[in-house]
């Protein structure tokens, strides 16, 4: 972030503090920081460091059960890569949503691995991730935005948007159904 951009962000923050409610100011700051951390749809160094820390904590079983560490083989290196992700529950099933869209690194790795992955939250769970057809994603995306407030900054709509708006963006945000039976170890 350049000095001028940082100065502009600070000035915006100060102006918001003078004019608005503290909660509204903090929401603005959180959204701006999330967009900065994931500029270009990839995590910057700060976000990567925070992701590593979050993944380690949730893998140990600490924190909400819906936040898990996803482990998948890298499509180029073959090394095991890990990412913290939020599980959205809908219709009795569990789903992973790519908040950064279809070009997210973990999405490309999952596709290359045939869906083989590992989820960790205190224990290891070998899973198969099955991509959901875009025509079926809208209600799952809505549920994801309800349970993953950290992902809202990456979507052009909020959780209260009408279903038609979710249908319009469904193609841009991959969704994977988590299937446990007959999973082959990914690691």
C-alpha atoms as a PDB file:
ATOM      1  CA  UNK A   1       0.000   0.000   0.000  1.00  0.00           C
ATOM      2  CA  UNK A   2       1.485   3.345  -0.983  1.00  0.00           C
ATOM      3  CA  UNK A   3       1.945   6.195   1.492  1.00  0.00           C
ATOM      4  CA  UNK A   4      -0.751   8.247  -0.257  1.00  0.00           C
ATOM      5  CA  UNK A   5      -3.230   5.384  -0.140  1.00  0.00           C
ATOM      6  CA  UNK A   6      -2.436   4.789   3.524  1.00  0.00           C
ATOM      7  CA  UNK A   7      -2.861   8.498   4.264  1.00  0.00           C
ATOM      8  CA  UNK A   8      -6.216   8.432   2.446  1.00  0.00           C
ATOM      9  CA  UNK A   9      -7.340   5.422   4.467  1.00  0.00           C
ATOM     10  CA  UNK A  10      -6.327   7.127   7.718  1.00  0.00           C
ATOM     11  CA  UNK A  11      -8.113  10.325   6.711  1.00  0.00           C
ATOM     12  CA  UNK A  12     -11.246   8.321   5.854  1.00  0.00           C
ATOM     13  CA  UNK A  13     -11.048   6.597   9.214  1.00  0.00           C
ATOM     14  CA  UNK A  14     -10.715   9.891  11.107  1.00  0.00           C
ATOM     15  CA  UNK A  15     -13.600  11.418   9.152  1.00  0.00           C
ATOM     16  CA  UNK A  16     -15.772   8.389   9.870  1.00  0.00           C
ATOM     17  CA  UNK A  17     -14.909   8.611  13.576  1.00  0.00           C
ATOM     18  CA  UNK A  18     -16.083  12.208  13.678  1.00  0.00           C
ATOM     19  CA  UNK A  19     -19.280  11.681  11.717  1.00  0.00           C
ATOM     20  CA  UNK A  20     -20.516   8.151  12.380  1.00  0.00           C
ATOM     21  CA  UNK A  21     -21.220   5.526  14.959  1.00  0.00           C
ATOM     22  CA  UNK A  22     -18.168   3.528  16.126  1.00  0.00           C
ATOM     23  CA  UNK A  23     -19.663   0.231  14.867  1.00  0.00           C
ATOM     24  CA  UNK A  24     -20.119   1.635  11.386  1.00  0.00           C
ATOM     25  CA  UNK A  25     -16.532   2.924  11.400  1.00  0.00           C
ATOM     26  CA  UNK A  26     -15.145  -0.441  12.457  1.00  0.00           C
ATOM     27  CA  UNK A  27     -17.169  -2.206   9.766  1.00  0.00           C
ATOM     28  CA  UNK A  28     -15.669   0.156   7.167  1.00  0.00           C
ATOM     29  CA  UNK A  29     -12.137  -0.444   8.496  1.00  0.00           C
ATOM     30  CA  UNK A  30     -12.598  -4.232   8.534  1.00  0.00           C
ATOM     31  CA  UNK A  31     -13.913  -4.293   4.966  1.00  0.00           C
ATOM     32  CA  UNK A  32     -11.113  -2.023   3.699  1.00  0.00           C
ATOM     33  CA  UNK A  33      -8.459  -4.143   5.424  1.00  0.00           C
ATOM     34  CA  UNK A  34      -9.887  -7.386   4.013  1.00  0.00           C
ATOM     35  CA  UNK A  35      -9.876  -5.966   0.501  1.00  0.00           C
ATOM     36  CA  UNK A  36      -6.316  -4.738   0.994  1.00  0.00           C
ATOM     37  CA  UNK A  37      -5.183  -8.130   2.340  1.00  0.00           C
ATOM     38  CA  UNK A  38      -6.666  -9.938  -0.667  1.00  0.00           C
ATOM     39  CA  UNK A  39      -5.973  -7.421  -3.437  1.00  0.00           C
ATOM     40  CA  UNK A  40      -5.744  -9.123  -6.810  1.00  0.00           C
ATOM     41  CA  UNK A  41      -7.709 -12.097  -5.414  1.00  0.00           C
ATOM     42  CA  UNK A  42      -4.607 -13.507  -3.713  1.00  0.00           C
ATOM     43  CA  UNK A  43      -3.508 -13.017  -0.104  1.00  0.00           C
ATOM     44  CA  UNK A  44      -0.705 -10.541   0.499  1.00  0.00           C
ATOM     45  CA  UNK A  45       2.055 -11.364   3.016  1.00  0.00           C
ATOM     46  CA  UNK A  46       0.054 -10.203   6.015  1.00  0.00           C
ATOM     47  CA  UNK A  47      -2.971 -12.275   4.984  1.00  0.00           C
ATOM     48  CA  UNK A  48      -0.776 -15.311   4.261  1.00  0.00           C
ATOM     49  CA  UNK A  49       0.761 -15.068   7.737  1.00  0.00           C
ATOM     50  CA  UNK A  50      -2.664 -14.696   9.371  1.00  0.00           C
ATOM     51  CA  UNK A  51      -3.985 -17.628   7.320  1.00  0.00           C
ATOM     52  CA  UNK A  52      -1.115 -19.853   8.461  1.00  0.00           C
ATOM     53  CA  UNK A  53      -1.746 -18.943  12.085  1.00  0.00           C
ATOM     54  CA  UNK A  54      -5.495 -19.451  11.786  1.00  0.00           C
ATOM     55  CA  UNK A  55      -5.009 -22.800  10.031  1.00  0.00           C
ATOM     56  CA  UNK A  56      -2.707 -24.010  12.825  1.00  0.00           C
ATOM     57  CA  UNK A  57      -5.124 -22.937  15.558  1.00  0.00           C
ATOM     58  CA  UNK A  58      -8.235 -24.478  13.980  1.00  0.00           C
ATOM     59  CA  UNK A  59      -6.357 -27.683  13.091  1.00  0.00           C
ATOM     60  CA  UNK A  60      -5.683 -28.048  16.808  1.00  0.00           C
ATOM     61  CA  UNK A  61      -9.441 -27.915  17.430  1.00  0.00           C
ATOM     62  CA  UNK A  62      -9.549 -24.405  18.847  1.00  0.00           C
ATOM     63  CA  UNK A  63     -12.259 -22.009  17.708  1.00  0.00           C
ATOM     64  CA  UNK A  64     -15.644 -22.422  16.029  1.00  0.00           C
ATOM     65  CA  UNK A  65     -16.246 -25.851  14.501  1.00  0.00           C
ATOM     66  CA  UNK A  66     -17.290 -24.321  11.183  1.00  0.00           C
ATOM     67  CA  UNK A  67     -13.759 -22.989  10.611  1.00  0.00           C
ATOM     68  CA  UNK A  68     -11.438 -25.779   9.463  1.00  0.00           C
ATOM     69  CA  UNK A  69      -8.026 -26.250   7.943  1.00  0.00           C
ATOM     70  CA  UNK A  70      -8.265 -27.522   4.353  1.00  0.00           C
ATOM     71  CA  UNK A  71      -5.273 -29.552   3.172  1.00  0.00           C
ATOM     72  CA  UNK A  72      -4.829 -30.397  -0.502  1.00  0.00           C
ATOM     73  CA  UNK A  73      -1.899 -31.375  -2.736  1.00  0.00           C
ATOM     74  CA  UNK A  74      -0.452 -28.537  -4.789  1.00  0.00           C
ATOM     75  CA  UNK A  75      -1.123 -28.980  -8.492  1.00  0.00           C
ATOM     76  CA  UNK A  76       2.427 -27.987  -9.475  1.00  0.00           C
ATOM     77  CA  UNK A  77       4.600 -28.866  -6.494  1.00  0.00           C
ATOM     78  CA  UNK A  78       2.774 -31.892  -5.130  1.00  0.00           C
ATOM     79  CA  UNK A  79       3.361 -30.525  -1.626  1.00  0.00           C
ATOM     80  CA  UNK A  80       0.547 -30.490   0.890  1.00  0.00           C
ATOM     81  CA  UNK A  81      -0.885 -26.965   1.105  1.00  0.00           C
ATOM     82  CA  UNK A  82      -3.279 -25.739   3.773  1.00  0.00           C
ATOM     83  CA  UNK A  83      -5.842 -22.967   3.970  1.00  0.00           C
ATOM     84  CA  UNK A  84      -8.370 -21.932   6.630  1.00  0.00           C
ATOM     85  CA  UNK A  85     -11.911 -22.175   5.241  1.00  0.00           C
ATOM     86  CA  UNK A  86     -15.440 -21.796   6.581  1.00  0.00           C
ATOM     87  CA  UNK A  87     -17.970 -24.608   6.280  1.00  0.00           C
ATOM     88  CA  UNK A  88     -21.470 -23.541   5.281  1.00  0.00           C
ATOM     89  CA  UNK A  89     -24.224 -25.942   6.245  1.00  0.00           C
ATOM     90  CA  UNK A  90     -27.300 -26.091   4.037  1.00  0.00           C
ATOM     91  CA  UNK A  91     -29.988 -28.721   3.626  1.00  0.00           C
ATOM     92  CA  UNK A  92     -28.241 -31.185   5.925  1.00  0.00           C
ATOM     93  CA  UNK A  93     -25.017 -31.049   3.870  1.00  0.00           C
ATOM     94  CA  UNK A  94     -21.696 -29.265   4.423  1.00  0.00           C
ATOM     95  CA  UNK A  95     -20.113 -27.043   1.770  1.00  0.00           C
ATOM     96  CA  UNK A  96     -16.955 -25.053   1.123  1.00  0.00           C
ATOM     97  CA  UNK A  97     -17.252 -21.764  -0.782  1.00  0.00           C
ATOM     98  CA  UNK A  98     -14.359 -20.005  -2.523  1.00  0.00           C
ATOM     99  CA  UNK A  99     -14.737 -16.419  -1.304  1.00  0.00           C
ATOM    100  CA  UNK A 100     -12.011 -15.286  -3.715  1.00  0.00           C
ATOM    101  CA  UNK A 101     -13.777 -16.807  -6.714  1.00  0.00           C
ATOM    102  CA  UNK A 102     -12.924 -19.419  -9.300  1.00  0.00           C
ATOM    103  CA  UNK A 103      -9.260 -18.433  -9.578  1.00  0.00           C
ATOM    104  CA  UNK A 104      -8.530 -19.084  -5.900  1.00  0.00           C
ATOM    105  CA  UNK A 105      -5.471 -21.268  -5.500  1.00  0.00           C
ATOM    106  CA  UNK A 106      -7.184 -23.866  -3.331  1.00  0.00           C
ATOM    107  CA  UNK A 107      -9.973 -24.260  -5.900  1.00  0.00           C
ATOM    108  CA  UNK A 108      -7.500 -25.031  -8.687  1.00  0.00           C
ATOM    109  CA  UNK A 109      -5.652 -27.472  -6.415  1.00  0.00           C
ATOM    110  CA  UNK A 110      -8.864 -29.262  -5.408  1.00  0.00           C
ATOM    111  CA  UNK A 111      -9.886 -29.618  -9.044  1.00  0.00           C
ATOM    112  CA  UNK A 112      -6.440 -30.945  -9.982  1.00  0.00           C
ATOM    113  CA  UNK A 113      -6.520 -33.482  -7.119  1.00  0.00           C
ATOM    114  CA  UNK A 114      -9.864 -34.898  -8.201  1.00  0.00           C
ATOM    115  CA  UNK A 115     -11.510 -33.499  -5.081  1.00  0.00           C
ATOM    116  CA  UNK A 116      -9.299 -35.406  -2.617  1.00  0.00           C
ATOM    117  CA  UNK A 117      -8.640 -33.306   0.456  1.00  0.00           C
ATOM    118  CA  UNK A 118      -8.298 -33.360   4.231  1.00  0.00           C
ATOM    119  CA  UNK A 119     -10.226 -31.217   6.713  1.00  0.00           C
ATOM    120  CA  UNK A 120      -8.845 -30.687  10.211  1.00  0.00           C
ATOM    121  CA  UNK A 121     -10.471 -29.294  13.320  1.00  0.00           C
ATOM    122  CA  UNK A 122      -9.015 -31.251  16.200  1.00  0.00           C
ATOM    123  CA  UNK A 123      -9.085 -34.437  14.141  1.00  0.00           C
ATOM    124  CA  UNK A 124      -8.310 -35.466  10.584  1.00  0.00           C
ATOM    125  CA  UNK A 125     -11.188 -36.034   8.172  1.00  0.00           C
ATOM    126  CA  UNK A 126     -10.409 -37.417   4.701  1.00  0.00           C
ATOM    127  CA  UNK A 127     -12.979 -36.044   2.266  1.00  0.00           C
ATOM    128  CA  UNK A 128     -13.956 -35.792  -1.368  1.00  0.00           C
ATOM    129  CA  UNK A 129     -14.978 -32.307  -2.477  1.00  0.00           C
ATOM    130  CA  UNK A 130     -17.597 -32.427  -5.232  1.00  0.00           C
ATOM    131  CA  UNK A 131     -18.165 -29.220  -7.173  1.00  0.00           C
ATOM    132  CA  UNK A 132     -21.763 -28.019  -7.100  1.00  0.00           C
ATOM    133  CA  UNK A 133     -23.396 -26.979 -10.372  1.00  0.00           C
ATOM    134  CA  UNK A 134     -23.770 -23.162 -10.631  1.00  0.00           C
ATOM    135  CA  UNK A 135     -27.552 -23.508 -10.942  1.00  0.00           C
ATOM    136  CA  UNK A 136     -27.650 -25.010  -7.429  1.00  0.00           C
ATOM    137  CA  UNK A 137     -25.260 -22.574  -5.693  1.00  0.00           C
ATOM    138  CA  UNK A 138     -27.472 -19.562  -4.873  1.00  0.00           C
ATOM    139  CA  UNK A 139     -28.928 -20.744  -1.521  1.00  0.00           C
ATOM    140  CA  UNK A 140     -25.541 -22.100  -0.446  1.00  0.00           C
ATOM    141  CA  UNK A 141     -23.851 -18.774  -1.220  1.00  0.00           C
ATOM    142  CA  UNK A 142     -26.501 -16.970   0.837  1.00  0.00           C
ATOM    143  CA  UNK A 143     -25.906 -19.349   3.756  1.00  0.00           C
ATOM    144  CA  UNK A 144     -22.146 -18.868   3.432  1.00  0.00           C
ATOM    145  CA  UNK A 145     -22.525 -15.097   3.743  1.00  0.00           C
ATOM    146  CA  UNK A 146     -24.685 -15.617   6.841  1.00  0.00           C
ATOM    147  CA  UNK A 147     -22.085 -17.780   8.616  1.00  0.00           C
ATOM    148  CA  UNK A 148     -18.832 -16.271   7.267  1.00  0.00           C
ATOM    149  CA  UNK A 149     -18.835 -12.523   7.887  1.00  0.00           C
ATOM    150  CA  UNK A 150     -15.157 -12.403   6.897  1.00  0.00           C
ATOM    151  CA  UNK A 151     -16.086 -13.409   3.364  1.00  0.00           C
ATOM    152  CA  UNK A 152     -18.668 -10.654   2.820  1.00  0.00           C
ATOM    153  CA  UNK A 153     -16.110  -8.101   1.631  1.00  0.00           C
ATOM    154  CA  UNK A 154     -15.338 -10.338  -1.349  1.00  0.00           C
ATOM    155  CA  UNK A 155     -18.929 -10.567  -2.595  1.00  0.00           C
ATOM    156  CA  UNK A 156     -20.749  -7.806  -4.474  1.00  0.00           C
ATOM    157  CA  UNK A 157     -23.956  -8.527  -2.519  1.00  0.00           C
ATOM    158  CA  UNK A 158     -24.899  -9.121   1.109  1.00  0.00           C
ATOM    159  CA  UNK A 159     -26.654 -12.035   2.799  1.00  0.00           C
ATOM    160  CA  UNK A 160     -30.011 -10.249   2.588  1.00  0.00           C
ATOM    161  CA  UNK A 161     -29.930  -9.858  -1.199  1.00  0.00           C
ATOM    162  CA  UNK A 162     -32.766 -11.402  -3.235  1.00  0.00           C
ATOM    163  CA  UNK A 163     -32.227 -14.932  -4.616  1.00  0.00           C
ATOM    164  CA  UNK A 164     -31.972 -13.600  -8.186  1.00  0.00           C
ATOM    165  CA  UNK A 165     -28.796 -11.697  -7.297  1.00  0.00           C
ATOM    166  CA  UNK A 166     -27.215 -14.850  -5.867  1.00  0.00           C
ATOM    167  CA  UNK A 167     -28.115 -16.694  -9.077  1.00  0.00           C
ATOM    168  CA  UNK A 168     -26.383 -13.968 -11.108  1.00  0.00           C
ATOM    169  CA  UNK A 169     -23.073 -14.329  -9.225  1.00  0.00           C
ATOM    170  CA  UNK A 170     -23.164 -18.117  -8.704  1.00  0.00           C
ATOM    171  CA  UNK A 171     -20.894 -18.833 -11.688  1.00  0.00           C
ATOM    172  CA  UNK A 172     -18.107 -16.697 -10.167  1.00  0.00           C
ATOM    173  CA  UNK A 173     -17.941 -18.446  -6.770  1.00  0.00           C
ATOM    174  CA  UNK A 174     -17.203 -22.200  -6.757  1.00  0.00           C
ATOM    175  CA  UNK A 175     -18.977 -24.289  -4.130  1.00  0.00           C
ATOM    176  CA  UNK A 176     -17.896 -27.793  -3.104  1.00  0.00           C
ATOM    177  CA  UNK A 177     -20.034 -30.385  -1.290  1.00  0.00           C
ATOM    178  CA  UNK A 178     -18.087 -32.224   1.404  1.00  0.00           C
ATOM    179  CA  UNK A 179     -18.434 -36.004   1.102  1.00  0.00           C
ATOM    180  CA  UNK A 180     -16.803 -38.237   3.706  1.00  0.00           C
ATOM    181  CA  UNK A 181     -17.640 -41.766   2.570  1.00  0.00           C
ATOM    182  CA  UNK A 182     -15.070 -43.546   0.405  1.00  0.00           C
ATOM    183  CA  UNK A 183     -12.588 -40.686   0.676  1.00  0.00           C
ATOM    184  CA  UNK A 184      -9.024 -41.436  -0.400  1.00  0.00           C
ATOM    185  CA  UNK A 185      -6.241 -39.869   1.686  1.00  0.00           C
ATOM    186  CA  UNK A 186      -4.944 -36.661   0.115  1.00  0.00           C
ATOM    187  CA  UNK A 187      -1.861 -36.398   2.284  1.00  0.00           C
END
